[in-house]
Protein backbone atom coordinates (compact mmCIF):
# COMPACT_ATOMS: atom_id res chain seq x y z
CA UNK A 1 0.00 0.00 0.00
CA UNK A 2 1.07 3.63 -0.26
CA UNK A 3 3.20 5.09 2.52
CA UNK A 4 1.48 7.04 5.31
CA UNK A 5 1.50 10.83 4.78
CA UNK A 6 0.82 13.84 6.98
CA UNK A 7 2.47 12.21 9.97
CA UNK A 8 3.53 14.73 12.67
CA UNK A 9 3.02 13.22 16.10
CA UNK A 10 2.91 9.68 17.43
CA UNK A 11 -0.88 9.62 17.40
CA UNK A 12 -0.76 10.05 13.58
CA UNK A 13 0.93 6.69 13.10
CA UNK A 14 -1.18 3.76 11.92
CA UNK A 15 -0.27 0.64 13.91
CA UNK A 16 -1.59 -1.54 11.04
CA UNK A 17 1.25 -0.46 8.74
CA UNK A 18 3.21 -1.77 7.07
CA UNK A 19 1.12 -4.54 5.62
CA UNK A 20 2.66 -7.94 5.11
CA UNK A 21 2.28 -7.50 1.37
CA UNK A 22 4.05 -4.10 1.26
CA UNK A 23 7.30 -4.16 -0.61
CA UNK A 24 10.47 -4.31 1.46
CA UNK A 25 11.67 -1.14 -0.25
CA UNK A 26 9.18 0.91 1.82
CA UNK A 27 10.61 -0.27 5.16
CA UNK A 28 13.11 2.57 5.37
CA UNK A 29 10.37 5.15 4.87
CA UNK A 30 8.27 3.59 7.63
CA UNK A 31 11.25 3.83 10.03
CA UNK A 32 11.84 7.47 9.05
CA UNK A 33 8.18 8.29 9.76
CA UNK A 34 8.40 6.69 13.21
CA UNK A 35 11.61 8.55 14.15
CA UNK A 36 10.26 11.87 12.90
CA UNK A 37 6.98 11.55 14.86
CA UNK A 38 8.86 10.64 18.06
CA UNK A 39 11.16 13.65 17.80
CA UNK A 40 8.27 15.97 17.02
CA UNK A 41 6.22 14.62 19.92
CA UNK A 42 9.08 14.99 22.45
CA UNK A 43 11.03 18.02 21.19
CA UNK A 44 12.53 18.90 24.61
CA UNK A 45 13.76 15.46 25.63
CA UNK A 46 17.53 15.83 25.43
CA UNK A 47 18.61 13.20 27.95
CA UNK A 48 17.71 9.92 29.58
CA UNK A 49 14.10 9.59 30.73
CA UNK A 50 13.94 7.69 34.05
CA UNK A 51 10.29 8.29 34.92
CA UNK A 52 8.09 5.21 35.25
CA UNK A 53 4.86 4.73 33.34
CA UNK A 54 3.02 5.78 36.53
CA UNK A 55 5.01 9.04 36.62
CA UNK A 56 4.29 9.69 32.96
CA UNK A 57 0.60 8.98 33.51
CA UNK A 58 0.36 11.52 36.34
CA UNK A 59 -1.73 14.49 35.37
CA UNK A 60 -1.09 17.90 36.98
CA UNK A 61 -3.99 18.96 39.17
CA UNK A 62 -3.34 22.69 38.90
CA UNK A 63 -2.41 24.69 35.83
CA UNK A 64 -1.45 28.34 35.59
CA UNK A 65 -0.88 30.99 32.94
CA UNK A 66 1.83 32.49 35.14
CA UNK A 67 -0.46 34.53 37.34
CA UNK A 68 -3.83 32.81 37.84
CA UNK A 69 -3.79 29.13 38.92
CA UNK A 70 -6.74 26.91 37.99
CA UNK A 71 -7.70 23.24 38.14
CA UNK A 72 -6.65 21.22 35.12
CA UNK A 73 -9.31 19.63 32.93
CA UNK A 74 -10.82 16.56 34.58
CA UNK A 75 -9.58 17.51 38.08
CA UNK A 76 -12.23 18.43 40.66
CA UNK A 77 -11.98 20.49 43.82
CA UNK A 78 -13.13 17.46 45.79
CA UNK A 79 -10.22 15.43 44.43
CA UNK A 80 -7.73 18.12 45.39
CA UNK A 81 -9.15 18.39 48.94
CA UNK A 82 -8.96 14.61 49.30
CA UNK A 83 -5.31 14.74 48.14
CA UNK A 84 -4.28 17.26 50.81
CA UNK A 85 -6.55 15.76 53.48
CA UNK A 86 -8.90 18.72 53.83
CA UNK A 87 -12.61 18.01 53.86
CA UNK A 88 -13.55 21.68 53.75
CA UNK A 89 -11.83 24.98 53.39
CA UNK A 90 -10.41 25.96 56.79
CA UNK A 91 -10.65 29.67 56.15
CA UNK A 92 -13.40 31.50 54.34
CA UNK A 93 -13.53 35.14 53.34
CA UNK A 94 -15.88 37.68 51.79
CA UNK A 95 -12.90 39.28 50.09
CA UNK A 96 -11.84 41.42 53.02
CA UNK A 97 -12.52 39.67 56.33
CA UNK A 98 -11.19 36.10 56.74
CA UNK A 99 -12.89 33.74 59.19
CA UNK A 100 -12.69 30.07 60.21
CA UNK A 101 -15.06 27.78 58.34
CA UNK A 102 -17.70 25.84 60.24
CA UNK A 103 -16.18 22.99 62.25
CA UNK A 104 -12.61 24.31 62.03
CA UNK A 105 -10.93 25.51 65.24
CA UNK A 106 -7.93 27.78 65.72
CA UNK A 107 -6.19 24.95 67.59
CA UNK A 108 -6.47 22.74 64.49
CA UNK A 109 -5.04 25.51 62.31
CA UNK A 110 -2.05 25.91 64.64
CA UNK A 111 -1.58 22.13 64.65
CA UNK A 112 -1.73 22.05 60.85
CA UNK A 113 0.94 24.74 60.60
CA UNK A 114 3.12 22.83 63.04
CA UNK A 115 3.85 25.95 65.07
CA UNK A 116 2.51 27.94 67.99
CA UNK A 117 1.90 31.65 68.26
CA UNK A 118 2.60 31.39 71.99
CA UNK A 119 5.29 28.81 72.89
CA UNK A 120 5.78 27.56 76.47
CA UNK A 121 6.82 30.43 78.74
CA UNK A 122 4.90 33.15 76.90
CA UNK A 123 2.60 35.51 78.78
CA UNK A 124 -0.77 36.34 77.22
CA UNK A 125 -2.89 39.34 78.23
CA UNK A 126 -6.52 40.06 77.43
CA UNK A 127 -9.55 41.99 78.67
CA UNK A 128 -11.66 38.83 78.10
CA UNK A 129 -11.73 36.05 80.70
CA UNK A 130 -11.54 33.20 78.13
CA UNK A 131 -8.41 31.09 78.58
CA UNK A 132 -6.00 31.31 75.63
CA UNK A 133 -6.03 27.49 75.54
CA UNK A 134 -9.32 27.87 73.70
CA UNK A 135 -7.58 29.73 70.90
CA UNK A 136 -4.05 28.31 70.84
CA UNK A 137 -4.20 24.97 72.68
CA UNK A 138 -1.64 24.02 75.33
CA UNK A 139 -1.82 24.44 79.09
CA UNK A 140 -2.13 27.91 80.61
CA UNK A 141 -2.10 29.13 84.22
CA UNK A 142 -3.23 32.47 85.65
CA UNK A 143 -0.23 34.74 86.05
CA UNK A 144 0.80 37.88 87.91
CA UNK A 145 -2.38 38.39 89.95
CA UNK A 146 -2.34 41.88 91.44
CA UNK A 147 1.10 42.67 90.02
CA UNK A 148 2.59 44.63 87.14
CA UNK A 149 5.29 43.26 84.81
CA UNK A 150 8.86 44.63 84.92
CA UNK A 151 11.67 43.97 82.45
CA UNK A 152 14.79 42.07 83.55
CA UNK A 153 17.65 44.35 84.68
CA UNK A 154 20.85 42.41 85.30
CA UNK A 155 22.42 45.44 87.00
CA UNK A 156 19.73 45.70 89.70
CA UNK A 157 19.41 42.92 92.28
CA UNK A 158 15.70 43.66 92.62
CA UNK A 159 15.05 42.84 88.94
CA UNK A 160 17.83 40.47 87.83
CA UNK A 161 15.91 37.17 88.15
CA UNK A 162 12.96 36.16 85.98
CA UNK A 163 9.60 36.00 87.82
CA UNK A 164 11.12 37.63 90.89
CA UNK A 165 8.45 39.39 92.95
CA UNK A 166 8.55 42.40 95.25
CA UNK A 167 7.01 45.75 96.07
CA UNK A 168 3.89 46.63 98.03
CA UNK A 169 0.64 48.54 97.54
CA UNK A 170 1.21 50.75 100.58
CA UNK A 171 3.96 51.61 103.07
CA UNK A 172 4.25 52.92 106.63
CA UNK A 173 7.31 55.06 107.29
CA UNK A 174 9.69 54.08 110.08
CA UNK A 175 11.42 56.68 112.25
CA UNK A 176 14.64 56.11 110.32
CA UNK A 177 12.85 56.92 107.07
CA UNK A 178 11.60 60.31 108.29
CA UNK A 179 13.51 63.33 106.96
CA UNK A 180 15.85 64.89 109.53
CA UNK A 181 14.01 67.77 111.23
CA UNK A 182 13.58 69.73 114.48
CA UNK A 183 10.68 71.05 116.59
CA UNK A 184 11.05 74.49 118.16
CA UNK A 185 9.31 75.57 121.42
CA UNK A 186 9.47 78.42 123.96
CA UNK A 187 10.12 77.73 127.73
CA UNK A 188 9.98 80.04 130.77
CA UNK A 189 12.31 80.02 133.77
CA UNK A 190 10.95 81.07 137.19
CA UNK A 191 12.48 82.48 140.39
CA UNK A 192 11.40 80.42 143.36
CA UNK A 193 8.18 79.63 141.54
CA UNK A 194 7.67 83.29 140.74
CA UNK A 195 7.37 84.21 137.11
CA UNK A 196 8.36 87.76 138.01
CA UNK A 197 12.11 87.89 137.45
CA UNK A 198 12.36 91.11 139.44
CA UNK A 199 11.35 89.32 142.61
CA UNK A 200 14.93 88.17 143.21
CA UNK A 201 16.06 84.71 144.23
CA UNK A 202 17.74 81.90 142.35
CA UNK A 203 16.59 80.57 139.02
CA UNK A 204 15.02 77.17 139.08
CA UNK A 205 16.95 74.22 137.69
CA UNK A 206 16.35 73.53 133.96
CA UNK A 207 13.99 70.64 133.10
CA UNK A 208 13.77 68.40 129.99
CA UNK A 209 10.50 67.71 128.19
CA UNK A 210 9.02 66.79 124.77
CA UNK A 211 6.59 68.39 122.42
CA UNK A 212 3.08 67.00 122.11
CA UNK A 213 2.69 63.93 119.86
CA UNK A 214 0.92 64.27 116.52
CA UNK A 215 0.25 62.08 113.43
CA UNK A 216 -1.61 58.81 113.02
CA UNK A 217 1.13 56.49 111.63
CA UNK A 218 -1.13 55.16 108.84
CA UNK A 219 0.28 53.51 105.72
CA UNK A 220 0.06 55.54 102.52
CA UNK A 221 -0.72 54.43 98.94
CA UNK A 222 2.33 54.09 96.66
CA UNK A 223 0.67 52.54 93.57
CA UNK A 224 1.14 54.03 90.11
CA UNK A 225 -1.89 54.56 87.81
CA UNK A 226 -2.96 51.17 86.43
CA UNK A 227 -5.34 49.22 84.19
CA UNK A 228 -6.32 45.64 85.12
CA UNK A 229 -6.27 42.81 82.55
CA UNK A 230 -6.37 39.01 82.53
CA UNK A 231 -2.94 37.38 82.31
CA UNK A 232 -1.93 33.78 81.70
CA UNK A 233 1.43 32.03 81.30
CA UNK A 234 1.76 28.99 79.03
CA UNK A 235 3.19 26.09 81.03
CA UNK A 236 2.91 23.19 78.54
């Protein structure tokens, strides 16, 4: 029969050719057609191909024009979710405000990412009483009740150890803490019990005394202005 014509790719070849009755002289042309179609079909294969038939049969799930990815023909969203182990989208959005899809928790998202926003030892503050374990997982304990936080200062023995506590809400001054001061008073000397110095006689001997006591000795407030919040420390 006549030689095949119009052959470009492998799928153009006719597996029925050559016929047993074709002349042997056409064999070379059949071989040339096969070689040409193979080279045209695989123009970029310049080395050894080691992929298995399974690798070659794998179809990409996502295609892209360089900017906008899309699912390849024959690939469904359900198939892609099954491949990555996601039954539903974890995060939904209206285009501006993302939110967790129904049935998805923040703890699961953190677990999926393999990380934690608050590792062990972190302190979390909030004006809401909900434990951060609800949002981030882990074990949390109330922290710093009635106290403010101060940064470590290695040069000050009051602040050179982490979680060191100190200070007080109020203080009562001791005598040693009072500023140095004096109290003035006026005293009279008499002459034999007579306040009239002109009456003669000897002056009476001097006597020691104290001024009248005053003050209540109450403690005074030494707190700075403050705002109260809930605090937890992650322990595990």
